Protein backbone atom coordinates (compact mmCIF):
# COMPACT_ATOMS: atom_id res chain seq x y z
CA MET A 1 113.02 116.99 70.13
CA LYS A 2 116.57 116.29 68.94
CA PRO A 3 115.90 112.90 67.28
CA PHE A 4 112.92 114.35 65.39
CA TRP A 5 114.83 117.28 63.91
CA THR A 6 117.84 115.12 63.14
CA LEU A 7 115.75 112.62 61.19
CA LEU A 8 113.83 115.38 59.44
CA LEU A 9 116.95 117.23 58.53
CA PHE A 10 119.39 114.64 57.41
CA PHE A 11 117.27 111.75 56.17
CA ALA A 12 114.12 113.37 54.76
CA SER A 13 113.92 113.54 51.00
CA GLY A 14 111.81 115.54 48.60
CA PRO A 15 111.62 119.00 47.14
CA LEU A 16 112.99 121.86 49.21
CA VAL A 17 113.62 126.27 50.19
CA TRP A 18 113.39 130.14 50.06
CA ALA A 19 114.97 132.77 52.19
CA GLN A 20 112.77 134.34 54.82
CA LEU A 21 113.81 137.90 53.89
CA ASN A 22 113.17 139.36 50.46
CA ASN A 23 116.70 140.25 49.33
CA GLU A 24 115.87 140.68 45.65
CA ALA A 25 117.29 144.20 45.67
CA PHE A 26 120.71 142.73 46.53
CA TYR A 27 120.80 140.04 43.87
CA PRO A 28 123.57 140.89 41.40
CA SER A 29 122.82 140.62 37.74
CA ALA A 30 124.45 137.87 35.68
CA GLY A 31 124.70 140.41 32.87
CA PRO A 32 122.42 140.88 29.89
CA ASP A 33 119.46 138.51 29.77
CA SER A 34 120.16 137.66 26.15
CA MET A 35 123.20 138.13 23.92
CA GLU A 36 123.84 137.09 20.36
CA THR A 37 126.84 134.90 19.62
CA GLY A 38 129.96 136.97 19.08
CA SER A 39 128.68 140.03 20.95
CA PHE A 40 130.18 141.83 23.94
CA ALA A 41 128.55 143.70 26.82
CA VAL A 42 129.69 145.72 29.82
CA SER A 43 127.76 145.65 33.10
CA LEU A 44 128.17 147.26 36.50
CA GLU A 45 127.06 146.28 39.99
CA HIS A 46 127.36 149.01 42.61
CA LEU A 47 126.30 148.80 46.25
CA ASN A 48 126.56 151.55 48.83
CA TYR A 49 125.72 150.38 52.35
CA LEU A 50 125.38 151.61 55.91
CA LYS A 51 124.47 149.01 58.54
CA ASN A 52 124.73 149.78 62.24
CA ASN A 53 124.38 147.13 64.96
CA GLU A 54 123.60 148.54 68.41
CA TYR A 55 124.45 145.32 70.26
CA PHE A 56 125.75 145.32 73.83
CA GLY A 57 125.15 141.73 74.93
CA LYS A 58 127.57 138.82 75.00
CA MET A 59 126.56 137.05 71.79
CA ALA A 60 127.48 139.61 69.11
CA ASP A 61 129.49 142.81 68.94
CA GLY A 62 128.02 146.18 68.11
CA ARG A 63 129.68 147.49 64.96
CA THR A 64 129.09 149.58 61.85
CA PHE A 65 129.48 148.58 58.21
CA PHE A 66 129.86 151.65 55.99
CA GLY A 67 131.24 151.42 52.49
CA LEU A 68 130.72 150.37 48.89
CA HIS A 69 131.18 147.53 46.41
CA ALA A 70 131.80 148.03 42.70
CA ILE A 71 131.96 145.20 40.15
CA PRO A 72 132.47 146.18 36.50
CA ARG A 73 132.29 143.19 34.15
CA LEU A 74 132.91 142.41 30.48
CA HIS A 75 130.67 139.69 29.01
CA TYR A 76 131.42 137.76 25.82
CA GLN A 77 128.85 135.40 24.27
CA ALA A 78 131.13 132.78 22.73
CA HIS A 79 128.29 130.37 21.83
CA PRO A 80 124.49 130.42 22.19
CA ARG A 81 124.93 128.37 25.36
CA PHE A 82 128.29 129.60 26.60
CA ARG A 83 129.31 132.98 28.04
CA LEU A 84 132.60 134.26 29.45
CA GLU A 85 132.58 137.01 32.08
CA GLY A 86 135.51 138.87 33.61
CA GLY A 87 136.01 141.93 35.77
CA LEU A 88 137.12 143.32 39.11
CA PHE A 89 135.56 143.37 42.57
CA ALA A 90 136.42 146.44 44.64
CA ARG A 91 135.40 146.94 48.27
CA LYS A 92 135.95 150.22 50.05
CA ASP A 93 135.27 150.88 53.74
CA TYR A 94 134.67 154.54 54.44
CA GLY A 95 136.99 156.04 57.05
CA THR A 96 140.06 154.18 55.74
CA LYS A 97 142.63 154.77 53.01
CA GLY A 98 142.60 152.71 49.85
CA PHE A 99 140.54 149.60 49.24
CA GLN A 100 139.99 146.73 51.66
CA GLN A 101 139.60 144.23 48.82
CA LEU A 102 140.52 144.13 45.12
CA GLU A 103 139.86 140.73 43.54
CA PRO A 104 139.44 139.44 39.98
CA VAL A 105 136.07 137.95 39.04
CA PHE A 106 135.98 135.44 36.17
CA THR A 107 133.10 133.14 35.28
CA ALA A 108 132.53 130.55 32.57
CA ARG A 109 128.76 130.10 32.29
CA TYR A 110 127.08 127.23 30.40
CA MET A 111 123.33 127.67 29.84
CA ALA A 112 120.98 124.91 28.71
CA GLY A 113 117.26 125.54 29.08
CA PRO A 114 116.39 125.83 32.79
CA ASN A 115 119.93 124.86 33.84
CA GLN A 116 123.15 126.80 34.29
CA ILE A 117 126.60 125.48 35.18
CA LEU A 118 129.22 127.93 36.43
CA MET A 119 132.93 127.66 37.12
CA GLY A 120 134.95 130.49 38.61
CA THR A 121 133.18 133.31 40.45
CA LEU A 122 129.78 132.04 41.58
CA ASP A 123 126.33 133.60 41.73
CA GLY A 124 126.67 133.40 45.48
CA GLY A 125 126.03 135.27 48.70
CA LEU A 126 122.39 136.21 49.22
CA GLU A 127 121.49 134.71 45.83
CA HIS A 128 121.72 131.23 47.40
CA ASN A 129 118.58 132.10 49.39
CA LEU A 130 119.86 130.55 52.60
CA ILE A 131 117.91 131.52 55.71
CA GLU A 132 119.64 133.74 58.26
CA PRO A 133 120.63 131.03 60.76
CA LEU A 134 122.63 129.46 57.88
CA TYR A 135 123.86 132.63 56.15
CA ASP A 136 124.38 136.00 57.82
CA PHE A 137 123.29 139.03 55.78
CA GLU A 138 126.54 140.73 56.80
CA ASN A 139 128.51 138.18 54.77
CA GLN A 140 127.20 140.02 51.71
CA LEU A 141 128.97 143.15 52.91
CA ILE A 142 132.37 141.81 53.99
CA ARG A 143 132.74 138.24 52.62
CA ARG A 144 130.77 138.39 49.38
CA LEU A 145 132.88 136.57 46.78
CA GLU A 146 132.71 132.82 46.21
CA TYR A 147 134.88 130.83 43.79
CA GLY A 148 134.31 127.27 42.65
CA PHE A 149 131.56 125.31 40.91
CA GLN A 150 127.79 125.83 40.78
CA TRP A 151 124.69 124.26 39.24
CA LYS A 152 121.42 126.21 39.07
CA HIS A 153 117.98 125.10 37.90
CA LYS A 154 114.84 127.19 37.58
CA SER A 155 111.50 125.96 36.25
CA ALA A 156 107.82 126.50 37.01
CA ARG A 157 107.65 123.61 39.50
CA TRP A 158 110.97 123.76 41.30
CA GLN A 159 114.30 125.53 41.71
CA ALA A 160 117.70 124.26 42.76
CA ASP A 161 121.11 125.69 43.61
CA ALA A 162 124.12 123.50 44.43
CA TRP A 163 127.63 124.86 44.85
CA LEU A 164 131.17 124.31 46.09
CA ASP A 165 133.04 127.39 47.33
CA TRP A 166 136.79 126.78 47.62
CA ARG A 167 137.74 129.14 50.44
CA ASN A 168 141.42 128.38 50.95
CA MET A 169 143.76 126.52 48.61
CA ILE A 170 146.92 124.94 50.01
CA TYR A 171 150.10 123.60 48.42
CA PRO A 172 152.72 121.07 49.59
CA ASN A 173 154.20 122.11 52.95
CA SER A 174 151.59 124.82 53.55
CA ASN A 175 151.34 126.00 57.15
CA GLU A 176 147.55 126.25 56.98
CA GLN A 177 144.63 123.95 56.21
CA GLU A 178 142.42 124.00 53.14
CA GLN A 179 138.86 125.26 53.64
CA LEU A 180 135.78 124.35 51.63
CA LEU A 181 132.14 125.38 51.80
CA GLY A 182 129.35 123.60 49.97
CA GLY A 183 125.61 123.96 49.86
CA LEU A 184 122.31 122.83 48.40
CA VAL A 185 119.03 124.74 48.18
CA LEU A 186 115.87 123.20 46.74
CA GLU A 187 112.34 124.55 46.61
CA SER A 188 109.10 123.31 45.11
CA ASN A 189 105.60 124.67 44.57
CA LEU A 190 103.27 122.22 46.29
CA TYR A 191 100.05 124.12 45.59
CA GLU A 192 99.20 127.39 43.87
CA GLY A 193 95.65 128.71 43.77
CA LYS A 194 94.12 132.08 43.09
CA ARG A 195 94.82 133.44 46.58
CA THR A 196 96.98 130.81 48.28
CA ARG A 197 100.38 129.35 47.57
CA ILE A 198 102.16 126.58 49.48
CA GLN A 199 105.83 125.75 48.99
CA LEU A 200 108.08 123.11 50.45
CA SER A 201 111.70 123.76 51.14
CA PHE A 202 115.03 122.21 52.09
CA GLN A 203 118.52 123.63 52.30
CA GLY A 204 121.82 122.64 53.76
CA ASN A 205 125.47 123.60 53.80
CA ALA A 206 128.74 122.12 54.96
CA TYR A 207 132.05 123.55 56.13
CA HIS A 208 135.26 121.51 55.93
CA ARG A 209 138.77 122.33 57.09
CA GLY A 210 141.61 119.87 56.59
CA GLY A 211 144.04 118.64 53.96
CA GLN A 212 146.84 116.10 53.58
CA ILE A 213 149.78 118.20 52.35
CA ASP A 214 150.05 120.84 55.09
CA THR A 215 152.63 120.85 57.86
CA LEU A 216 150.11 121.26 60.68
CA ASN A 217 149.22 118.45 63.02
CA GLN A 218 145.60 119.49 63.40
CA PRO A 219 142.48 117.33 63.15
CA LEU A 220 139.97 117.58 60.31
CA LEU A 221 136.86 119.63 60.97
CA THR A 222 133.51 119.09 59.24
CA TRP A 223 130.30 120.85 60.26
CA LEU A 224 126.92 120.19 58.62
CA ASN A 225 123.81 122.34 58.79
CA GLY A 226 120.40 121.86 57.25
CA ALA A 227 116.87 123.20 57.30
CA ALA A 228 113.55 121.75 56.14
CA GLY A 229 110.34 123.72 56.08
CA PHE A 230 107.38 125.20 54.27
CA LYS A 231 105.91 128.54 53.32
CA ILE A 232 102.24 129.51 53.03
CA ARG A 233 101.21 132.79 51.40
CA THR A 234 97.63 134.09 51.25
CA ILE A 235 96.22 137.17 49.54
CA PRO A 236 93.30 138.96 51.27
CA GLY A 237 90.10 139.97 49.50
CA HIS A 238 91.04 143.22 47.77
CA GLY A 239 94.74 143.41 48.60
CA ILE A 240 94.84 147.23 48.44
CA ILE A 241 96.59 147.99 51.74
CA LEU A 242 97.51 144.47 52.84
CA LYS A 243 99.09 142.82 49.81
CA TYR A 244 99.62 139.39 51.38
CA LEU A 245 100.29 137.46 54.58
CA GLU A 246 102.98 134.80 54.72
CA PHE A 247 103.97 132.20 57.31
CA GLN A 248 107.26 130.29 57.18
CA GLY A 249 108.38 127.48 59.44
CA TYR A 250 111.74 125.68 59.47
CA GLY A 251 113.31 122.92 61.47
CA LEU A 252 117.10 123.24 61.55
CA GLY A 253 119.91 120.99 62.62
CA PHE A 254 123.63 120.93 63.27
CA ARG A 255 125.89 117.91 63.07
CA ASP A 256 129.61 117.71 63.84
CA GLN A 257 131.21 115.09 61.57
CA SER A 258 134.77 115.89 62.67
CA ASN A 259 137.13 113.17 63.86
CA GLN A 260 137.75 115.22 66.97
CA LYS A 261 134.57 116.94 68.20
CA SER A 262 134.58 120.68 68.88
CA PHE A 263 131.83 120.53 71.50
CA ASP A 264 130.41 118.13 74.08
CA PHE A 265 127.53 117.38 71.66
CA SER A 266 127.64 116.17 68.07
CA GLN A 267 124.19 117.12 66.81
CA SER A 268 121.27 119.35 67.72
CA GLY A 269 117.93 120.68 66.49
CA SER A 270 116.37 124.17 66.44
CA MET A 271 113.27 125.99 65.19
CA TYR A 272 112.76 129.18 63.14
CA LEU A 273 109.35 130.78 62.49
CA ASN A 274 108.44 133.88 60.47
CA LEU A 275 105.21 135.80 59.97
CA LYS A 276 105.29 138.49 57.28
CA ALA A 277 102.75 141.11 56.21
CA LYS A 278 103.41 143.00 53.01
CA THR A 279 101.53 146.28 53.04
CA LEU A 280 101.13 149.25 50.72
CA TRP A 281 103.76 151.20 52.69
CA PHE A 282 106.30 148.68 54.04
CA ASP A 283 106.88 145.06 55.01
CA LEU A 284 106.38 144.01 58.65
CA MET A 285 107.92 140.74 59.78
CA LEU A 286 108.05 138.88 63.10
CA SER A 287 110.69 136.19 63.52
CA TYR A 288 111.01 133.72 66.39
CA TRP A 289 114.16 131.67 66.97
CA GLN A 290 114.49 128.78 69.41
CA GLY A 291 118.02 127.49 69.24
CA ASN A 292 119.42 124.42 70.95
CA ASN A 293 123.22 124.04 70.81
CA PHE A 294 123.11 125.55 67.32
CA ILE A 295 126.37 126.18 65.45
CA SER A 296 126.75 127.47 61.90
CA TYR A 297 129.96 128.61 60.22
CA GLN A 298 128.24 131.26 58.07
CA GLY A 299 125.09 131.85 60.09
CA GLY A 300 123.94 135.02 61.80
CA ALA A 301 125.63 135.75 65.11
CA LEU A 302 122.32 136.22 66.96
CA PHE A 303 121.26 132.64 66.15
CA SER A 304 124.43 130.87 67.27
CA SER A 305 124.94 129.33 70.71
CA LEU A 306 128.62 130.27 70.50
CA SER A 307 129.43 133.95 70.94
CA SER A 308 131.20 135.81 68.13
CA GLY A 309 132.01 138.75 70.42
CA ILE A 310 135.63 139.83 70.61
CA LYS A 311 135.48 140.29 74.38
CA ASN A 312 133.37 137.16 74.95
CA ARG A 313 135.25 134.49 73.02
CA GLY A 314 134.17 131.05 74.14
CA TYR A 315 130.98 132.24 75.82
CA PHE A 316 128.26 129.68 75.15
CA GLU A 317 124.46 129.70 75.53
CA ALA A 318 123.03 126.25 74.86
CA GLU A 319 119.46 127.60 74.65
CA ARG A 320 118.73 130.72 72.60
CA GLN A 321 115.30 132.34 72.35
CA ILE A 322 114.91 135.61 70.46
CA LEU A 323 112.06 137.55 68.87
CA ILE A 324 112.91 139.87 65.96
CA VAL A 325 110.63 142.66 64.74
CA ARG A 326 111.48 143.92 61.25
CA LEU A 327 110.36 146.98 59.32
CA LEU A 328 111.54 146.67 55.72
CA LYS A 329 111.12 148.88 52.68
CA ASP A 330 112.47 148.60 49.13
CA TRP A 331 112.00 151.41 46.61
CA GLN A 332 112.67 150.42 43.00
CA ILE A 333 113.07 153.87 41.44
CA ALA A 334 114.21 152.47 38.07
CA PRO A 335 114.51 148.97 36.55
CA ASN A 336 118.13 148.75 37.74
CA ILE A 337 118.14 151.01 40.83
CA TRP A 338 116.97 150.03 44.33
CA ILE A 339 116.97 151.89 47.65
CA SER A 340 116.41 149.73 50.74
CA ALA A 341 115.89 150.63 54.40
CA ARG A 342 115.67 148.22 57.34
CA LEU A 343 114.99 148.56 61.06
CA GLU A 344 115.40 145.32 63.04
CA PRO A 345 115.02 145.42 66.83
CA TYR A 346 115.11 142.10 68.67
CA LEU A 347 114.22 140.85 72.13
CA ASP A 348 116.36 138.27 73.89
CA LEU A 349 113.65 136.35 75.73
CA LYS A 350 116.05 134.79 78.23
CA SER A 351 117.70 138.02 79.37
CA ASN A 352 114.62 140.17 78.64
CA SER A 353 116.78 142.75 76.86
CA TRP A 354 116.20 144.72 73.64
CA GLU A 355 118.83 145.56 71.03
CA PHE A 356 118.52 146.69 67.41
CA SER A 357 120.16 147.22 64.06
CA HIS A 358 119.28 149.45 61.14
CA GLY A 359 120.54 149.90 57.61
CA LEU A 360 120.32 151.90 54.38
CA TYR A 361 121.40 150.51 51.01
CA PHE A 362 121.68 151.87 47.46
CA ASN A 363 121.90 149.21 44.74
CA PHE A 364 122.60 149.67 41.04
CA ARG A 365 123.10 146.79 38.65
CA GLY A 366 122.69 147.03 34.93
CA GLN A 367 124.08 146.93 31.44
CA LEU A 368 126.18 149.91 30.39
CA TRP A 369 127.02 148.92 26.82
CA LYS A 370 126.35 146.17 24.33
CA SER A 371 127.97 145.53 20.96
CA ASN A 372 126.55 144.18 17.75
CA PRO A 373 127.52 140.58 17.03
CA GLN A 374 130.67 140.15 14.99
């Protein structure tokens, strides 16, 4: 199994991916869709969240995320193809004093047809559309901001997102290492008929820790992850109660490119399958994960072979098999207001134990004011 996934993952070429969960309600707005040169606009993104993990096993800790994000931004259209954006990111955890995070957000955005190039604060997080084994939903709540460089492409046939997130800058004689994260997401429409759509997908990311000007005598670390797969969606006859059925299948891999290996293996392959039914009332989704020595720096804790638990540091399960049942509902009560609810129990097939998480989210993102061009 391992040679097959490794070849598929790291040497296959062609168009590539979508996320298995519909996180559209959490995608922040890049500001007004259109602005005239010389005009200004003010936008606001606001997220209130409550996510509770009732986990008692060794792989992940039970914990609660309860708080808000607020991101006011000023947008200036300096040129038909060039926009400057600046503002403040504020994160508040309820039950504490003050703010846990106050950070500036600045973006220079160049737009040319289906392409965008960004420097500064990226359109990151869930907007990358990475699947859960590569990007944990909880990162959106506590590690949302990304700074660096990004290229985005969106057309009728394919979409692309490539980025470099500079996590930790160092200077001469720093007592810490620099940290970088990079990624690539590609997706392509292979076939689209009246009732059936088939898409091909690939995505990957990389984590690097190192540097040449720090004072530490620590080895470089480089981890690579990737996923290749497909998605098939079919619409039933009338589509009144059952809107569509969708199957997604991914082969994933991990490769350790470090000079000094972190584990007694350097590469591995895993499998992720999803079956989704969108109904008139809610979305029902079944997810199956078969992990084999799988490691991911940003991935969901339930998918990793290495425990993230505070009391179980170093605990390792080479083989992971879990089945997740999801009940999902998004209410769009206005063009810029979403309310989302999620219930996600899962079964650990090896230990035959059930655990669950649930969440409630209020999202607002929209334009508050727009000037006339000067």
